[in-house]
Amino acid sequence: MKIRVVILTVVLVMLMAISAMAFNGQRKGFILGGGLGFGVTSYTQTVKWNGLSETGDRENKGAFNTNFQIGYAPSDQVAIYYVSKVAWFSMTNAYDDEVTIASGAGGLGFSYYQKPVAPSMIFTGGIAVSSWSLPFEDDAPDPWQGFGIFGGVGYEFARHVSAELDLVYGKPDTKEDGVTASANVMSVMLTVNALAF
């Protein structure tokens, strides 16, 4: 709990410190954005116990995608930020129940804009913590977590508005009572984004 208070305090101080440079119509400075879209998520799940391993068939699911970022642009062409990219889709679990999965990647991202003003190509990438969770289930286990990475290209059509195509890879896992479960996930995400600066 204390670490959350410290992080929140640091974030608020940073936001106040850079507020004078924020939302002036130039990319340089504080940035805040989000986007929605659709895509495809492909995954396998593996269970390991007592030296044995079993991997299920690869599944491909249509997904609803969300994209959130908050950070700082040191110039009109480079931005560094915290990013959360999540693919939301339905699947049938081991108990034959239909559940919603949130397969995400949250971490450090960057964007390079080919031009200092719109229209411009955008190149993105980052390293993240991948996750696999059941956000709408009352008795859901803790989210699986592991290594994640992403990269993509986009196009800023007009100031503050862009479309982005990302490839997101993650390998979240969990271990309990000697049983390890993991997912090997690849998501193709197409989002339309709005970015305040």
C-alpha atoms as a PDB file:
ATOM      1  CA  MET A   1       0.000   0.000   0.000  1.00  0.00           C
ATOM      2  CA  LYS A   2       2.816   2.416   0.885  1.00  0.00           C
ATOM      3  CA  ILE A   3       4.526   1.904  -2.475  1.00  0.00           C
ATOM      4  CA  ARG A   4       1.278   2.830  -4.250  1.00  0.00           C
ATOM      5  CA  VAL A   5       1.066   6.079  -2.285  1.00  0.00           C
ATOM      6  CA  VAL A   6       4.693   6.913  -3.140  1.00  0.00           C
ATOM      7  CA  ILE A   7       4.151   6.147  -6.845  1.00  0.00           C
ATOM      8  CA  LEU A   8       0.946   8.203  -6.938  1.00  0.00           C
ATOM      9  CA  THR A   9       2.691  11.137  -5.226  1.00  0.00           C
ATOM     10  CA  VAL A  10       5.619  11.010  -7.661  1.00  0.00           C
ATOM     11  CA  VAL A  11       3.260  10.889 -10.652  1.00  0.00           C
ATOM     12  CA  LEU A  12       1.231  13.848  -9.382  1.00  0.00           C
ATOM     13  CA  VAL A  13       4.379  15.919  -8.770  1.00  0.00           C
ATOM     14  CA  MET A  14       5.658  15.089 -12.246  1.00  0.00           C
ATOM     15  CA  LEU A  15       2.328  16.046 -13.806  1.00  0.00           C
ATOM     16  CA  MET A  16       2.324  19.392 -12.011  1.00  0.00           C
ATOM     17  CA  ALA A  17       5.951  20.060 -12.937  1.00  0.00           C
ATOM     18  CA  ILE A  18       5.369  19.564 -16.643  1.00  0.00           C
ATOM     19  CA  SER A  19       1.870  21.039 -16.841  1.00  0.00           C
ATOM     20  CA  ALA A  20       3.236  24.333 -18.191  1.00  0.00           C
ATOM     21  CA  MET A  21       4.557  22.483 -21.240  1.00  0.00           C
ATOM     22  CA  ALA A  22       1.495  20.285 -21.663  1.00  0.00           C
ATOM     23  CA  PHE A  23      -1.306  20.529 -24.185  1.00  0.00           C
ATOM     24  CA  ASN A  24       0.256  23.363 -26.198  1.00  0.00           C
ATOM     25  CA  GLY A  25      -0.306  21.704 -29.584  1.00  0.00           C
ATOM     26  CA  GLN A  26       3.298  20.552 -29.910  1.00  0.00           C
ATOM     27  CA  ARG A  27       4.315  16.946 -29.376  1.00  0.00           C
ATOM     28  CA  LYS A  28       7.170  18.028 -27.123  1.00  0.00           C
ATOM     29  CA  GLY A  29       6.108  17.813 -23.488  1.00  0.00           C
ATOM     30  CA  PHE A  30       3.537  15.806 -21.551  1.00  0.00           C
ATOM     31  CA  ILE A  31       1.472  13.349 -23.605  1.00  0.00           C
ATOM     32  CA  LEU A  32      -1.669  11.383 -22.793  1.00  0.00           C
ATOM     33  CA  GLY A  33      -3.496   9.134 -25.206  1.00  0.00           C
ATOM     34  CA  GLY A  34      -5.668   6.152 -25.835  1.00  0.00           C
ATOM     35  CA  GLY A  35      -7.152   4.112 -28.621  1.00  0.00           C
ATOM     36  CA  LEU A  36      -9.590   1.384 -29.569  1.00  0.00           C
ATOM     37  CA  GLY A  37      -9.587  -1.187 -32.327  1.00  0.00           C
ATOM     38  CA  PHE A  38      -9.745  -4.791 -33.414  1.00  0.00           C
ATOM     39  CA  GLY A  39      -7.306  -7.537 -34.237  1.00  0.00           C
ATOM     40  CA  VAL A  40      -6.393 -11.200 -33.901  1.00  0.00           C
ATOM     41  CA  THR A  41      -4.797 -12.966 -30.944  1.00  0.00           C
ATOM     42  CA  SER A  42      -3.087 -16.332 -31.423  1.00  0.00           C
ATOM     43  CA  TYR A  43      -2.055 -18.418 -28.416  1.00  0.00           C
ATOM     44  CA  THR A  44      -1.118 -21.798 -27.016  1.00  0.00           C
ATOM     45  CA  GLN A  45      -1.316 -22.868 -23.385  1.00  0.00           C
ATOM     46  CA  THR A  46       1.135 -25.260 -21.712  1.00  0.00           C
ATOM     47  CA  VAL A  47       0.839 -27.095 -18.385  1.00  0.00           C
ATOM     48  CA  LYS A  48       3.873 -28.706 -16.698  1.00  0.00           C
ATOM     49  CA  TRP A  49       3.775 -30.998 -13.660  1.00  0.00           C
ATOM     50  CA  ASN A  50       5.937 -33.847 -12.288  1.00  0.00           C
ATOM     51  CA  GLY A  51       8.345 -33.572 -15.216  1.00  0.00           C
ATOM     52  CA  LEU A  52       5.511 -33.895 -17.740  1.00  0.00           C
ATOM     53  CA  SER A  53       4.371 -31.225 -20.185  1.00  0.00           C
ATOM     54  CA  GLU A  54       1.258 -30.814 -22.283  1.00  0.00           C
ATOM     55  CA  THR A  55       0.642 -28.047 -24.840  1.00  0.00           C
ATOM     56  CA  GLY A  56      -2.766 -27.422 -26.326  1.00  0.00           C
ATOM     57  CA  ASP A  57      -3.513 -26.632 -29.946  1.00  0.00           C
ATOM     58  CA  ARG A  58      -2.904 -23.095 -31.162  1.00  0.00           C
ATOM     59  CA  GLU A  59      -6.066 -21.009 -31.035  1.00  0.00           C
ATOM     60  CA  ASN A  60      -6.794 -17.865 -33.044  1.00  0.00           C
ATOM     61  CA  LYS A  61      -9.371 -15.400 -31.716  1.00  0.00           C
ATOM     62  CA  GLY A  62     -10.775 -12.115 -32.939  1.00  0.00           C
ATOM     63  CA  ALA A  63     -10.134  -9.505 -30.266  1.00  0.00           C
ATOM     64  CA  PHE A  64     -11.236  -6.046 -29.199  1.00  0.00           C
ATOM     65  CA  ASN A  65      -8.132  -3.948 -28.488  1.00  0.00           C
ATOM     66  CA  THR A  66      -7.384  -1.068 -26.135  1.00  0.00           C
ATOM     67  CA  ASN A  67      -4.283   1.095 -26.109  1.00  0.00           C
ATOM     68  CA  PHE A  68      -3.290   3.582 -23.370  1.00  0.00           C
ATOM     69  CA  GLN A  69      -0.174   5.713 -22.992  1.00  0.00           C
ATOM     70  CA  ILE A  70       1.093   8.453 -20.708  1.00  0.00           C
ATOM     71  CA  GLY A  71       4.535   9.993 -20.754  1.00  0.00           C
ATOM     72  CA  TYR A  72       6.836  12.661 -22.093  1.00  0.00           C
ATOM     73  CA  ALA A  73       8.140  13.686 -25.504  1.00  0.00           C
ATOM     74  CA  PRO A  74      11.631  15.216 -25.298  1.00  0.00           C
ATOM     75  CA  SER A  75      11.208  16.493 -28.870  1.00  0.00           C
ATOM     76  CA  ASP A  76       8.512  16.815 -31.546  1.00  0.00           C
ATOM     77  CA  GLN A  77       9.673  13.509 -33.064  1.00  0.00           C
ATOM     78  CA  VAL A  78      10.430  11.261 -30.071  1.00  0.00           C
ATOM     79  CA  ALA A  79       8.092  10.182 -27.260  1.00  0.00           C
ATOM     80  CA  ILE A  80       8.779   7.934 -24.253  1.00  0.00           C
ATOM     81  CA  TYR A  81       5.890   6.663 -22.153  1.00  0.00           C
ATOM     82  CA  TYR A  82       4.203   4.023 -20.066  1.00  0.00           C
ATOM     83  CA  VAL A  83       1.967   1.967 -22.354  1.00  0.00           C
ATOM     84  CA  SER A  84      -0.738  -0.644 -21.827  1.00  0.00           C
ATOM     85  CA  LYS A  85      -1.927  -2.656 -24.826  1.00  0.00           C
ATOM     86  CA  VAL A  86      -4.685  -5.190 -24.157  1.00  0.00           C
ATOM     87  CA  ALA A  87      -6.487  -7.685 -26.397  1.00  0.00           C
ATOM     88  CA  TRP A  88      -9.911  -8.705 -25.040  1.00  0.00           C
ATOM     89  CA  PHE A  89     -11.450 -11.932 -26.339  1.00  0.00           C
ATOM     90  CA  SER A  90     -13.689 -14.852 -25.349  1.00  0.00           C
ATOM     91  CA  MET A  91     -12.587 -18.438 -24.944  1.00  0.00           C
ATOM     92  CA  THR A  92     -13.877 -21.682 -23.448  1.00  0.00           C
ATOM     93  CA  ASN A  93     -11.916 -22.653 -20.346  1.00  0.00           C
ATOM     94  CA  ALA A  94     -11.118 -26.120 -18.980  1.00  0.00           C
ATOM     95  CA  TYR A  95     -14.556 -26.264 -17.298  1.00  0.00           C
ATOM     96  CA  ASP A  96     -16.401 -25.542 -20.577  1.00  0.00           C
ATOM     97  CA  ASP A  97     -17.306 -22.057 -19.376  1.00  0.00           C
ATOM     98  CA  GLU A  98     -17.172 -19.085 -21.735  1.00  0.00           C
ATOM     99  CA  VAL A  99     -14.827 -16.485 -20.199  1.00  0.00           C
ATOM    100  CA  THR A 100     -13.314 -13.177 -21.265  1.00  0.00           C
ATOM    101  CA  ILE A 101      -9.524 -13.061 -21.376  1.00  0.00           C
ATOM    102  CA  ALA A 102      -7.505  -9.848 -21.106  1.00  0.00           C
ATOM    103  CA  SER A 103      -4.154 -10.540 -22.735  1.00  0.00           C
ATOM    104  CA  GLY A 104      -1.998  -7.482 -22.248  1.00  0.00           C
ATOM    105  CA  ALA A 105       1.417  -5.919 -22.247  1.00  0.00           C
ATOM    106  CA  GLY A 106       2.275  -2.967 -20.015  1.00  0.00           C
ATOM    107  CA  GLY A 107       5.636  -1.274 -19.817  1.00  0.00           C
ATOM    108  CA  LEU A 108       8.066   1.183 -21.376  1.00  0.00           C
ATOM    109  CA  GLY A 109       7.281   2.293 -24.920  1.00  0.00           C
ATOM    110  CA  PHE A 110       8.649   4.786 -27.392  1.00  0.00           C
ATOM    111  CA  SER A 111       7.493   6.375 -30.631  1.00  0.00           C
ATOM    112  CA  TYR A 112       9.478   7.992 -33.416  1.00  0.00           C
ATOM    113  CA  TYR A 113       7.598  10.378 -35.705  1.00  0.00           C
ATOM    114  CA  GLN A 114       9.112  10.743 -39.165  1.00  0.00           C
ATOM    115  CA  LYS A 115       8.070  14.417 -39.285  1.00  0.00           C
ATOM    116  CA  PRO A 116       7.736  17.017 -36.506  1.00  0.00           C
ATOM    117  CA  VAL A 117       4.148  17.817 -37.547  1.00  0.00           C
ATOM    118  CA  ALA A 118       1.257  15.797 -38.983  1.00  0.00           C
ATOM    119  CA  PRO A 119       0.847  14.033 -41.317  1.00  0.00           C
ATOM    120  CA  SER A 120       3.650  11.657 -40.384  1.00  0.00           C
ATOM    121  CA  MET A 121       4.623   8.003 -40.243  1.00  0.00           C
ATOM    122  CA  ILE A 122       5.118   6.635 -36.717  1.00  0.00           C
ATOM    123  CA  PHE A 123       7.390   3.797 -35.597  1.00  0.00           C
ATOM    124  CA  THR A 124       6.765   2.294 -32.148  1.00  0.00           C
ATOM    125  CA  GLY A 125       8.327  -0.302 -29.892  1.00  0.00           C
ATOM    126  CA  GLY A 126       8.780  -1.289 -26.311  1.00  0.00           C
ATOM    127  CA  ILE A 127       9.448  -3.864 -23.651  1.00  0.00           C
ATOM    128  CA  ALA A 128       6.728  -4.840 -21.216  1.00  0.00           C
ATOM    129  CA  VAL A 129       5.322  -7.202 -18.632  1.00  0.00           C
ATOM    130  CA  SER A 130       2.829  -9.450 -20.366  1.00  0.00           C
ATOM    131  CA  SER A 131      -0.291 -10.600 -18.550  1.00  0.00           C
ATOM    132  CA  TRP A 132      -3.113 -13.116 -18.962  1.00  0.00           C
ATOM    133  CA  SER A 133      -6.129 -12.567 -16.743  1.00  0.00           C
ATOM    134  CA  LEU A 134      -9.852 -13.147 -16.227  1.00  0.00           C
ATOM    135  CA  PRO A 135     -10.983  -9.636 -15.221  1.00  0.00           C
ATOM    136  CA  PHE A 136     -14.717 -10.354 -15.013  1.00  0.00           C
ATOM    137  CA  GLU A 137     -14.650 -13.606 -13.023  1.00  0.00           C
ATOM    138  CA  ASP A 138     -15.362 -13.401  -9.274  1.00  0.00           C
ATOM    139  CA  ASP A 139     -13.175 -16.376  -8.353  1.00  0.00           C
ATOM    140  CA  ALA A 140     -10.423 -15.729 -10.901  1.00  0.00           C
ATOM    141  CA  PRO A 141      -6.836 -16.660 -10.040  1.00  0.00           C
ATOM    142  CA  ASP A 142      -4.143 -13.999  -9.938  1.00  0.00           C
ATOM    143  CA  PRO A 143      -3.076 -12.791 -13.393  1.00  0.00           C
ATOM    144  CA  TRP A 144      -0.284 -14.702 -15.093  1.00  0.00           C
ATOM    145  CA  GLN A 145       2.734 -12.503 -15.816  1.00  0.00           C
ATOM    146  CA  GLY A 146       5.892 -12.748 -17.874  1.00  0.00           C
ATOM    147  CA  PHE A 147       8.061 -11.227 -20.573  1.00  0.00           C
ATOM    148  CA  GLY A 148       6.481  -9.049 -23.246  1.00  0.00           C
ATOM    149  CA  ILE A 149       7.597  -7.006 -26.228  1.00  0.00           C
ATOM    150  CA  PHE A 150       5.883  -5.053 -28.981  1.00  0.00           C
ATOM    151  CA  GLY A 151       6.589  -3.094 -32.147  1.00  0.00           C
ATOM    152  CA  GLY A 152       4.550  -1.416 -34.804  1.00  0.00           C
ATOM    153  CA  VAL A 153       3.984   1.257 -37.410  1.00  0.00           C
ATOM    154  CA  GLY A 154       1.366   3.935 -37.640  1.00  0.00           C
ATOM    155  CA  TYR A 155       0.281   7.059 -39.433  1.00  0.00           C
ATOM    156  CA  GLU A 156      -0.722  10.358 -37.874  1.00  0.00           C
ATOM    157  CA  PHE A 157      -3.425  11.679 -40.201  1.00  0.00           C
ATOM    158  CA  ALA A 158      -3.946  14.958 -38.401  1.00  0.00           C
ATOM    159  CA  ARG A 159      -2.752  16.548 -35.194  1.00  0.00           C
ATOM    160  CA  HIS A 160      -3.771  14.268 -32.275  1.00  0.00           C
ATOM    161  CA  VAL A 161      -5.252  11.453 -34.448  1.00  0.00           C
ATOM    162  CA  SER A 162      -3.460   8.335 -35.722  1.00  0.00           C
ATOM    163  CA  ALA A 163      -3.928   4.722 -36.739  1.00  0.00           C
ATOM    164  CA  GLU A 164      -1.448   2.112 -35.508  1.00  0.00           C
ATOM    165  CA  LEU A 165      -0.707  -1.517 -36.360  1.00  0.00           C
ATOM    166  CA  ASP A 166       1.167  -3.356 -33.596  1.00  0.00           C
ATOM    167  CA  LEU A 167       2.557  -6.844 -33.116  1.00  0.00           C
ATOM    168  CA  VAL A 168       2.546  -7.760 -29.405  1.00  0.00           C
ATOM    169  CA  TYR A 169       4.269 -10.876 -28.039  1.00  0.00           C
ATOM    170  CA  GLY A 170       3.974 -12.198 -24.512  1.00  0.00           C
ATOM    171  CA  LYS A 171       4.797 -15.293 -22.479  1.00  0.00           C
ATOM    172  CA  PRO A 172       2.963 -14.981 -19.153  1.00  0.00           C
ATOM    173  CA  ASP A 173       2.950 -17.866 -16.677  1.00  0.00           C
ATOM    174  CA  THR A 174       1.988 -18.900 -13.171  1.00  0.00           C
ATOM    175  CA  LYS A 175       3.122 -21.581 -10.742  1.00  0.00           C
ATOM    176  CA  GLU A 176       1.068 -23.127  -7.972  1.00  0.00           C
ATOM    177  CA  ASP A 177       1.420 -26.388  -6.035  1.00  0.00           C
ATOM    178  CA  GLY A 178       4.162 -27.647  -8.343  1.00  0.00           C
ATOM    179  CA  VAL A 179       2.111 -27.033 -11.495  1.00  0.00           C
ATOM    180  CA  THR A 180       3.279 -24.427 -14.013  1.00  0.00           C
ATOM    181  CA  ALA A 181       0.845 -23.018 -16.552  1.00  0.00           C
ATOM    182  CA  SER A 182       1.921 -20.654 -19.314  1.00  0.00           C
ATOM    183  CA  ALA A 183       0.612 -19.000 -22.455  1.00  0.00           C
ATOM    184  CA  ASN A 184       2.544 -18.177 -25.605  1.00  0.00           C
ATOM    185  CA  VAL A 185       0.644 -15.233 -27.093  1.00  0.00           C
ATOM    186  CA  MET A 186       0.948 -13.171 -30.282  1.00  0.00           C
ATOM    187  CA  SER A 187      -1.523 -10.369 -30.974  1.00  0.00           C
ATOM    188  CA  VAL A 188      -1.942  -8.252 -34.083  1.00  0.00           C
ATOM    189  CA  MET A 189      -3.614  -5.008 -33.009  1.00  0.00           C
ATOM    190  CA  LEU A 190      -5.053  -2.289 -35.230  1.00  0.00           C
ATOM    191  CA  THR A 191      -6.123   0.774 -33.244  1.00  0.00           C
ATOM    192  CA  VAL A 192      -7.304   4.299 -33.930  1.00  0.00           C
ATOM    193  CA  ASN A 193      -5.754   6.584 -31.333  1.00  0.00           C
ATOM    194  CA  ALA A 194      -6.161  10.077 -29.937  1.00  0.00           C
ATOM    195  CA  LEU A 195      -3.130  11.722 -28.342  1.00  0.00           C
ATOM    196  CA  ALA A 196      -3.300  14.905 -26.268  1.00  0.00           C
ATOM    197  CA  PHE A 197      -0.186  17.088 -26.278  1.00  0.00           C
END
